[in-house]
Amino acid sequence: MTRLSLFNSPLLLGFDHIEEMLERLSKASGDSYPPYNIEQTGPDGLRITLAVAGFAPSDLSVTVENNQLVIRGKQTETGQRVFLHRGIAARQFQRIFVLAEGIEVAGAGLDNGLLNIDLVRPKAESRVRNVEIRSGQSDSRSNGRGETIDLSADKGPA
């Protein structure tokens, strides 16, 4: 069975990594612990807030791995406690958010059981680059990085 792709259009070149990212997101969206909010804090700012009651800063880690914000939490049980009712979750978790190109983590803080992670999108610089148009046949070809390769040196005796 052939898989239908959203990015099959010949006008969308180099977007296959986005399709892979969407696939990863659909697989990871099943877990709902810990609950979280995402809010816009300004024109270029976001804040992710996770409810992590009972976790100390040493129980949490926030890392950026391959354009993914990864938040992990693991509590260590101290002492022998007997619970008559346990309604506060104390399990380990991993929550992953995929970040767009250019999004940076500005900082993180733990306050009253809420882990706040601030994200910023720096202003994009406008880039314009002229591409040289060659005419006729020549013994040179571009290597895709704007550099020209001379092919006449590769030709051996005929």
N, C-alpha and C. Protein backbone atom coordinates (compact mmCIF):
# COMPACT_ATOMS: atom_id res chain seq x y z
N MET A 1 0.84 -1.18 0.00
CA MET A 1 0.00 0.00 0.00
C MET A 1 0.88 1.24 0.00
N THR A 2 0.60 2.17 -0.89
CA THR A 2 1.38 3.39 -1.00
C THR A 2 0.87 4.42 0.00
N ARG A 3 1.80 5.07 0.66
CA ARG A 3 1.44 6.08 1.66
C ARG A 3 1.26 7.43 0.97
N LEU A 4 0.16 8.12 1.25
CA LEU A 4 -0.11 9.43 0.69
C LEU A 4 0.64 10.47 1.51
N SER A 5 1.42 11.28 0.85
CA SER A 5 2.22 12.28 1.54
C SER A 5 1.65 13.66 1.32
N LEU A 6 1.70 14.48 2.35
CA LEU A 6 1.26 15.86 2.23
C LEU A 6 2.23 16.69 1.40
N PHE A 7 3.46 16.23 1.32
CA PHE A 7 4.51 17.02 0.69
C PHE A 7 4.95 16.42 -0.63
N ASN A 8 4.03 15.83 -1.41
CA ASN A 8 4.36 15.22 -2.70
C ASN A 8 4.48 16.23 -3.82
N SER A 9 4.05 17.46 -3.61
CA SER A 9 4.07 18.46 -4.67
C SER A 9 5.49 18.73 -5.12
N PRO A 10 5.71 18.84 -6.45
CA PRO A 10 7.05 19.18 -6.93
C PRO A 10 7.46 20.61 -6.58
N LEU A 11 6.52 21.41 -6.08
CA LEU A 11 6.85 22.78 -5.68
C LEU A 11 7.37 22.87 -4.25
N LEU A 12 7.25 21.78 -3.50
CA LEU A 12 7.72 21.75 -2.11
C LEU A 12 9.00 20.92 -2.05
N LEU A 13 10.12 21.56 -2.26
CA LEU A 13 11.41 20.86 -2.29
C LEU A 13 12.09 20.95 -0.93
N GLY A 14 12.56 19.84 -0.43
CA GLY A 14 13.32 19.81 0.82
C GLY A 14 12.48 19.87 2.07
N PHE A 15 11.19 19.57 1.99
CA PHE A 15 10.31 19.62 3.15
C PHE A 15 10.05 18.25 3.75
N ASP A 16 10.77 17.22 3.32
CA ASP A 16 10.54 15.87 3.84
C ASP A 16 10.83 15.78 5.33
N HIS A 17 11.74 16.63 5.85
CA HIS A 17 12.02 16.61 7.28
C HIS A 17 10.82 17.09 8.09
N ILE A 18 9.97 17.95 7.51
CA ILE A 18 8.77 18.40 8.21
C ILE A 18 7.78 17.25 8.32
N GLU A 19 7.68 16.46 7.26
CA GLU A 19 6.78 15.31 7.30
C GLU A 19 7.23 14.31 8.38
N GLU A 20 8.54 14.09 8.49
CA GLU A 20 9.06 13.20 9.53
C GLU A 20 8.76 13.75 10.92
N MET A 21 8.88 15.06 11.07
CA MET A 21 8.60 15.71 12.35
C MET A 21 7.12 15.55 12.71
N LEU A 22 6.22 15.72 11.75
CA LEU A 22 4.80 15.54 12.02
C LEU A 22 4.48 14.11 12.41
N GLU A 23 5.16 13.16 11.80
CA GLU A 23 4.97 11.75 12.14
C GLU A 23 5.38 11.48 13.59
N ARG A 24 6.54 12.05 14.00
CA ARG A 24 7.01 11.88 15.38
C ARG A 24 6.02 12.48 16.37
N LEU A 25 5.48 13.65 16.01
CA LEU A 25 4.52 14.32 16.89
C LEU A 25 3.26 13.49 17.09
N SER A 26 2.77 12.90 16.02
CA SER A 26 1.54 12.12 16.14
C SER A 26 1.74 10.89 17.02
N LYS A 27 2.95 10.33 17.04
CA LYS A 27 3.23 9.17 17.88
C LYS A 27 3.38 9.57 19.35
N ALA A 28 3.90 10.78 19.61
CA ALA A 28 4.20 11.20 20.98
C ALA A 28 3.05 11.92 21.65
N SER A 29 1.95 12.17 20.95
CA SER A 29 0.90 13.00 21.52
C SER A 29 -0.06 12.24 22.44
N GLY A 30 0.15 10.97 22.68
CA GLY A 30 -0.76 10.18 23.49
C GLY A 30 -0.69 10.44 24.98
N ASP A 31 0.46 10.81 25.52
CA ASP A 31 0.62 10.98 26.96
C ASP A 31 0.16 12.38 27.38
N SER A 32 -0.57 12.46 28.49
CA SER A 32 -1.08 13.75 28.94
C SER A 32 -0.46 14.19 30.27
N TYR A 33 0.59 13.53 30.70
CA TYR A 33 1.23 13.89 31.98
C TYR A 33 2.63 14.41 31.72
N PRO A 34 3.01 15.48 32.32
CA PRO A 34 2.24 16.39 33.15
C PRO A 34 1.43 17.37 32.30
N PRO A 35 0.35 17.92 32.86
CA PRO A 35 -0.42 18.90 32.10
C PRO A 35 0.42 20.15 31.85
N TYR A 36 0.12 20.86 30.76
CA TYR A 36 0.93 22.03 30.41
C TYR A 36 0.07 23.09 29.73
N ASN A 37 0.57 24.31 29.76
CA ASN A 37 -0.02 25.44 29.03
C ASN A 37 1.06 26.00 28.11
N ILE A 38 0.62 26.58 27.00
CA ILE A 38 1.52 27.34 26.13
C ILE A 38 0.87 28.70 25.94
N GLU A 39 1.61 29.75 26.25
CA GLU A 39 1.05 31.09 26.13
C GLU A 39 2.02 31.99 25.37
N GLN A 40 1.45 32.98 24.71
CA GLN A 40 2.27 33.96 24.00
C GLN A 40 2.54 35.10 24.96
N THR A 41 3.82 35.41 25.16
CA THR A 41 4.19 36.44 26.13
C THR A 41 4.54 37.76 25.46
N GLY A 42 4.56 37.80 24.16
CA GLY A 42 4.87 39.00 23.41
C GLY A 42 4.90 38.66 21.93
N PRO A 43 5.23 39.63 21.10
CA PRO A 43 5.24 39.36 19.66
C PRO A 43 6.25 38.28 19.25
N ASP A 44 7.32 38.14 20.01
CA ASP A 44 8.36 37.16 19.68
C ASP A 44 8.64 36.20 20.84
N GLY A 45 7.71 36.10 21.79
CA GLY A 45 7.97 35.27 22.96
C GLY A 45 6.85 34.29 23.25
N LEU A 46 7.26 33.12 23.74
CA LEU A 46 6.32 32.07 24.17
C LEU A 46 6.75 31.58 25.54
N ARG A 47 5.80 31.03 26.28
CA ARG A 47 6.11 30.40 27.56
C ARG A 47 5.36 29.08 27.65
N ILE A 48 6.10 28.03 27.97
CA ILE A 48 5.52 26.72 28.23
C ILE A 48 5.54 26.54 29.74
N THR A 49 4.38 26.22 30.32
CA THR A 49 4.28 26.02 31.76
C THR A 49 3.79 24.60 32.01
N LEU A 50 4.57 23.83 32.77
CA LEU A 50 4.21 22.46 33.12
C LEU A 50 3.90 22.39 34.62
N ALA A 51 2.84 21.67 34.96
CA ALA A 51 2.48 21.46 36.37
C ALA A 51 3.29 20.28 36.89
N VAL A 52 4.30 20.57 37.71
CA VAL A 52 5.21 19.54 38.20
C VAL A 52 5.27 19.57 39.73
N ALA A 53 4.11 19.54 40.36
CA ALA A 53 4.04 19.59 41.83
C ALA A 53 4.83 18.44 42.43
N GLY A 54 5.64 18.76 43.43
CA GLY A 54 6.42 17.75 44.13
C GLY A 54 7.80 17.52 43.54
N PHE A 55 8.09 18.07 42.38
CA PHE A 55 9.41 17.91 41.77
C PHE A 55 10.32 19.06 42.21
N ALA A 56 11.54 18.73 42.60
CA ALA A 56 12.55 19.73 42.93
C ALA A 56 13.33 20.06 41.65
N PRO A 57 14.02 21.19 41.62
CA PRO A 57 14.82 21.51 40.43
C PRO A 57 15.82 20.41 40.06
N SER A 58 16.34 19.70 41.06
CA SER A 58 17.29 18.62 40.77
C SER A 58 16.61 17.39 40.16
N ASP A 59 15.28 17.30 40.27
CA ASP A 59 14.54 16.19 39.68
C ASP A 59 14.19 16.43 38.22
N LEU A 60 14.42 17.63 37.71
CA LEU A 60 14.00 18.03 36.37
C LEU A 60 15.20 18.33 35.48
N SER A 61 15.05 18.08 34.19
CA SER A 61 16.07 18.50 33.23
C SER A 61 15.37 19.04 31.99
N VAL A 62 15.92 20.11 31.45
CA VAL A 62 15.42 20.75 30.24
C VAL A 62 16.57 20.81 29.26
N THR A 63 16.41 20.15 28.10
CA THR A 63 17.46 20.14 27.09
C THR A 63 16.86 20.43 25.72
N VAL A 64 17.70 20.89 24.82
CA VAL A 64 17.32 21.06 23.42
C VAL A 64 18.15 20.08 22.62
N GLU A 65 17.45 19.16 21.93
CA GLU A 65 18.12 18.12 21.14
C GLU A 65 17.52 18.11 19.74
N ASN A 66 18.31 18.48 18.73
CA ASN A 66 17.86 18.44 17.34
C ASN A 66 16.53 19.15 17.12
N ASN A 67 16.45 20.41 17.51
CA ASN A 67 15.24 21.23 17.38
C ASN A 67 14.06 20.67 18.17
N GLN A 68 14.33 19.94 19.22
CA GLN A 68 13.28 19.45 20.10
C GLN A 68 13.60 19.88 21.52
N LEU A 69 12.60 20.46 22.17
CA LEU A 69 12.72 20.80 23.58
C LEU A 69 12.28 19.57 24.36
N VAL A 70 13.19 19.00 25.15
CA VAL A 70 12.91 17.77 25.89
C VAL A 70 12.94 18.09 27.38
N ILE A 71 11.82 17.83 28.06
CA ILE A 71 11.71 18.07 29.50
C ILE A 71 11.51 16.71 30.16
N ARG A 72 12.40 16.40 31.09
CA ARG A 72 12.34 15.12 31.79
C ARG A 72 12.23 15.37 33.29
N GLY A 73 11.49 14.50 33.94
CA GLY A 73 11.35 14.58 35.39
C GLY A 73 11.41 13.19 35.99
N LYS A 74 12.16 13.08 37.08
CA LYS A 74 12.27 11.80 37.78
C LYS A 74 12.45 12.08 39.26
N GLN A 75 11.47 11.64 40.05
CA GLN A 75 11.55 11.82 41.49
C GLN A 75 12.13 10.57 42.12
N THR A 76 12.87 10.78 43.18
CA THR A 76 13.41 9.65 43.94
C THR A 76 12.62 9.54 45.24
N GLU A 77 12.20 8.35 45.53
CA GLU A 77 11.46 8.10 46.77
C GLU A 77 12.42 8.15 47.94
N THR A 78 12.06 8.92 48.95
CA THR A 78 12.89 9.00 50.15
C THR A 78 12.12 8.42 51.32
N GLY A 79 12.71 7.46 51.94
CA GLY A 79 12.11 6.86 53.13
C GLY A 79 10.98 5.90 52.82
N GLN A 80 10.50 5.28 53.87
CA GLN A 80 9.39 4.34 53.77
C GLN A 80 8.11 5.07 54.16
N ARG A 81 7.31 5.45 53.16
CA ARG A 81 6.05 6.14 53.44
C ARG A 81 4.90 5.21 53.08
N VAL A 82 3.88 5.21 53.92
CA VAL A 82 2.69 4.40 53.67
C VAL A 82 1.56 5.36 53.30
N PHE A 83 1.08 5.24 52.07
CA PHE A 83 0.01 6.11 51.59
C PHE A 83 -1.33 5.41 51.80
N LEU A 84 -2.27 6.12 52.40
CA LEU A 84 -3.64 5.63 52.48
C LEU A 84 -4.39 5.97 51.18
N HIS A 85 -4.01 7.08 50.58
CA HIS A 85 -4.51 7.48 49.26
C HIS A 85 -3.40 8.25 48.56
N ARG A 86 -3.15 7.92 47.31
CA ARG A 86 -2.10 8.62 46.58
C ARG A 86 -2.72 9.22 45.32
N GLY A 87 -3.03 10.51 45.37
CA GLY A 87 -3.64 11.21 44.24
C GLY A 87 -2.67 12.12 43.52
N ILE A 88 -1.51 12.37 44.13
CA ILE A 88 -0.50 13.22 43.50
C ILE A 88 0.49 12.31 42.78
N ALA A 89 0.54 12.46 41.48
CA ALA A 89 1.42 11.60 40.68
C ALA A 89 2.87 11.90 41.00
N ALA A 90 3.65 10.87 41.16
CA ALA A 90 5.08 11.02 41.44
C ALA A 90 5.84 10.11 40.48
N ARG A 91 5.44 10.11 39.23
CA ARG A 91 6.08 9.22 38.27
C ARG A 91 7.03 10.02 37.39
N GLN A 92 7.91 9.31 36.76
CA GLN A 92 8.83 9.99 35.85
C GLN A 92 8.09 10.32 34.56
N PHE A 93 8.59 11.35 33.86
CA PHE A 93 7.94 11.74 32.62
C PHE A 93 8.98 12.28 31.65
N GLN A 94 8.57 12.33 30.40
CA GLN A 94 9.35 12.99 29.35
C GLN A 94 8.34 13.66 28.43
N ARG A 95 8.47 14.96 28.26
CA ARG A 95 7.57 15.73 27.40
C ARG A 95 8.44 16.38 26.33
N ILE A 96 8.03 16.22 25.06
CA ILE A 96 8.82 16.74 23.94
C ILE A 96 8.00 17.75 23.16
N PHE A 97 8.61 18.89 22.88
CA PHE A 97 8.02 19.92 22.03
C PHE A 97 8.97 20.14 20.85
N VAL A 98 8.45 20.12 19.64
CA VAL A 98 9.27 20.36 18.46
C VAL A 98 9.33 21.87 18.24
N LEU A 99 10.56 22.39 18.11
CA LEU A 99 10.78 23.82 17.95
C LEU A 99 11.01 24.16 16.48
N ALA A 100 10.44 25.25 16.03
CA ALA A 100 10.68 25.73 14.67
C ALA A 100 12.11 26.26 14.57
N GLU A 101 12.62 26.32 13.35
CA GLU A 101 13.96 26.86 13.14
C GLU A 101 14.04 28.27 13.73
N GLY A 102 15.08 28.55 14.45
CA GLY A 102 15.31 29.88 14.99
C GLY A 102 14.77 30.10 16.39
N ILE A 103 13.87 29.24 16.88
CA ILE A 103 13.34 29.39 18.24
C ILE A 103 14.44 29.03 19.23
N GLU A 104 14.64 29.88 20.22
CA GLU A 104 15.68 29.65 21.23
C GLU A 104 15.05 29.60 22.62
N VAL A 105 15.63 28.79 23.49
CA VAL A 105 15.19 28.72 24.88
C VAL A 105 15.91 29.83 25.64
N ALA A 106 15.13 30.76 26.19
CA ALA A 106 15.71 31.90 26.90
C ALA A 106 16.00 31.57 28.35
N GLY A 107 15.25 30.63 28.94
CA GLY A 107 15.48 30.29 30.33
C GLY A 107 14.35 29.44 30.87
N ALA A 108 14.56 28.94 32.09
CA ALA A 108 13.56 28.11 32.75
C ALA A 108 13.58 28.41 34.24
N GLY A 109 12.41 28.32 34.86
CA GLY A 109 12.31 28.56 36.30
C GLY A 109 11.21 27.71 36.91
N LEU A 110 11.41 27.34 38.17
CA LEU A 110 10.44 26.53 38.91
C LEU A 110 9.88 27.39 40.03
N ASP A 111 8.54 27.59 40.03
CA ASP A 111 7.92 28.46 41.02
C ASP A 111 6.56 27.89 41.40
N ASN A 112 6.38 27.57 42.69
CA ASN A 112 5.10 27.06 43.21
C ASN A 112 4.60 25.84 42.44
N GLY A 113 5.49 24.92 42.09
CA GLY A 113 5.09 23.69 41.42
C GLY A 113 4.88 23.83 39.92
N LEU A 114 5.19 24.99 39.37
CA LEU A 114 5.06 25.22 37.94
C LEU A 114 6.43 25.45 37.32
N LEU A 115 6.76 24.66 36.30
CA LEU A 115 8.01 24.84 35.56
C LEU A 115 7.71 25.72 34.36
N ASN A 116 8.32 26.90 34.33
CA ASN A 116 8.13 27.85 33.23
C ASN A 116 9.36 27.83 32.34
N ILE A 117 9.14 27.66 31.04
CA ILE A 117 10.23 27.67 30.07
C ILE A 117 9.91 28.76 29.07
N ASP A 118 10.79 29.75 28.98
CA ASP A 118 10.58 30.88 28.08
C ASP A 118 11.32 30.66 26.77
N LEU A 119 10.62 30.91 25.67
CA LEU A 119 11.17 30.76 24.34
C LEU A 119 11.10 32.09 23.62
N VAL A 120 12.08 32.37 22.76
CA VAL A 120 12.07 33.59 21.95
C VAL A 120 12.39 33.24 20.50
N ARG A 121 11.81 34.04 19.62
CA ARG A 121 12.12 33.93 18.21
C ARG A 121 12.84 35.23 17.82
N PRO A 122 14.15 35.15 17.59
CA PRO A 122 14.88 36.36 17.20
C PRO A 122 14.36 36.89 15.87
N LYS A 123 14.49 38.19 15.68
CA LYS A 123 14.05 38.82 14.44
C LYS A 123 14.82 38.21 13.27
N ALA A 124 14.09 37.83 12.24
CA ALA A 124 14.72 37.24 11.06
C ALA A 124 15.32 38.34 10.20
N GLU A 125 16.52 38.06 9.70
CA GLU A 125 17.18 38.99 8.80
C GLU A 125 16.75 38.68 7.38
N SER A 126 16.47 39.71 6.63
CA SER A 126 16.11 39.52 5.23
C SER A 126 17.38 39.25 4.43
N ARG A 127 17.38 38.14 3.70
CA ARG A 127 18.56 37.80 2.91
C ARG A 127 18.17 37.71 1.45
N VAL A 128 18.91 38.42 0.63
CA VAL A 128 18.71 38.37 -0.81
C VAL A 128 20.05 38.00 -1.43
N ARG A 129 20.02 37.02 -2.32
CA ARG A 129 21.26 36.59 -2.97
C ARG A 129 20.99 36.48 -4.46
N ASN A 130 21.84 37.09 -5.26
CA ASN A 130 21.73 36.99 -6.71
C ASN A 130 22.37 35.70 -7.18
N VAL A 131 21.73 35.05 -8.15
CA VAL A 131 22.24 33.82 -8.72
C VAL A 131 22.70 34.12 -10.13
N GLU A 132 23.94 33.78 -10.42
CA GLU A 132 24.52 34.04 -11.74
C GLU A 132 23.87 33.12 -12.77
N ILE A 133 23.52 33.69 -13.92
CA ILE A 133 22.95 32.92 -15.02
C ILE A 133 24.01 32.81 -16.10
N ARG A 134 24.40 31.56 -16.39
CA ARG A 134 25.41 31.33 -17.43
C ARG A 134 24.69 31.02 -18.74
N SER A 135 25.36 31.28 -19.83
CA SER A 135 24.76 30.95 -21.12
C SER A 135 25.69 30.03 -21.89
N GLY A 136 25.11 29.22 -22.79
CA GLY A 136 25.91 28.30 -23.60
C GLY A 136 26.40 27.13 -22.78
N GLN A 137 27.08 26.22 -23.46
CA GLN A 137 27.64 25.06 -22.78
C GLN A 137 29.04 25.42 -22.29
N SER A 138 29.35 24.96 -21.12
CA SER A 138 30.68 25.21 -20.59
C SER A 138 31.16 23.94 -19.90
N ASP A 139 32.41 23.93 -19.56
CA ASP A 139 33.00 22.79 -18.89
C ASP A 139 33.00 22.99 -17.37
N SER A 140 32.03 23.74 -16.87
CA SER A 140 31.95 23.94 -15.43
C SER A 140 30.50 23.76 -14.99
N ARG A 141 30.35 23.40 -13.71
CA ARG A 141 29.02 23.14 -13.15
C ARG A 141 29.04 23.60 -11.70
N SER A 142 27.90 24.07 -11.21
CA SER A 142 27.80 24.49 -9.82
C SER A 142 27.67 23.26 -8.93
N ASN A 143 28.24 23.33 -7.72
CA ASN A 143 28.15 22.22 -6.78
C ASN A 143 26.98 22.39 -5.82
N GLY A 144 26.11 23.37 -6.04
CA GLY A 144 24.94 23.56 -5.18
C GLY A 144 25.21 24.48 -4.01
N ARG A 145 26.44 24.89 -3.80
CA ARG A 145 26.77 25.81 -2.70
C ARG A 145 27.25 27.15 -3.24
N GLY A 146 26.95 27.43 -4.51
CA GLY A 146 27.38 28.69 -5.09
C GLY A 146 28.81 28.67 -5.57
N GLU A 147 29.47 27.52 -5.53
CA GLU A 147 30.85 27.39 -6.00
C GLU A 147 30.84 26.70 -7.35
N THR A 148 31.76 27.09 -8.21
CA THR A 148 31.83 26.50 -9.55
C THR A 148 32.92 25.45 -9.59
N ILE A 149 32.60 24.31 -10.19
CA ILE A 149 33.55 23.21 -10.33
C ILE A 149 33.99 23.15 -11.78
N ASP A 150 35.28 23.14 -12.03
CA ASP A 150 35.81 23.02 -13.39
C ASP A 150 35.89 21.55 -13.75
N LEU A 151 35.11 21.14 -14.74
CA LEU A 151 35.05 19.75 -15.15
C LEU A 151 36.08 19.40 -16.23
N SER A 152 36.70 20.42 -16.82
CA SER A 152 37.65 20.15 -17.91
C SER A 152 38.89 19.43 -17.38
N ALA A 153 39.23 19.58 -16.12
CA ALA A 153 40.41 18.92 -15.56
C ALA A 153 40.16 17.43 -15.38
N ASP A 154 38.86 17.03 -15.24
CA ASP A 154 38.52 15.63 -15.04
C ASP A 154 38.52 14.81 -16.33
N LYS A 155 38.53 15.50 -17.46
CA LYS A 155 38.46 14.78 -18.72
C LYS A 155 39.81 14.16 -19.05
N GLY A 156 39.82 12.91 -19.31
CA GLY A 156 41.06 12.20 -19.66
C GLY A 156 41.20 12.14 -21.16
N PRO A 157 42.22 11.43 -21.66
CA PRO A 157 42.40 11.31 -23.10
C PRO A 157 41.23 10.55 -23.71
N ALA A 158 40.81 11.01 -24.89
CA ALA A 158 39.66 10.40 -25.54
C ALA A 158 40.00 9.18 -26.35
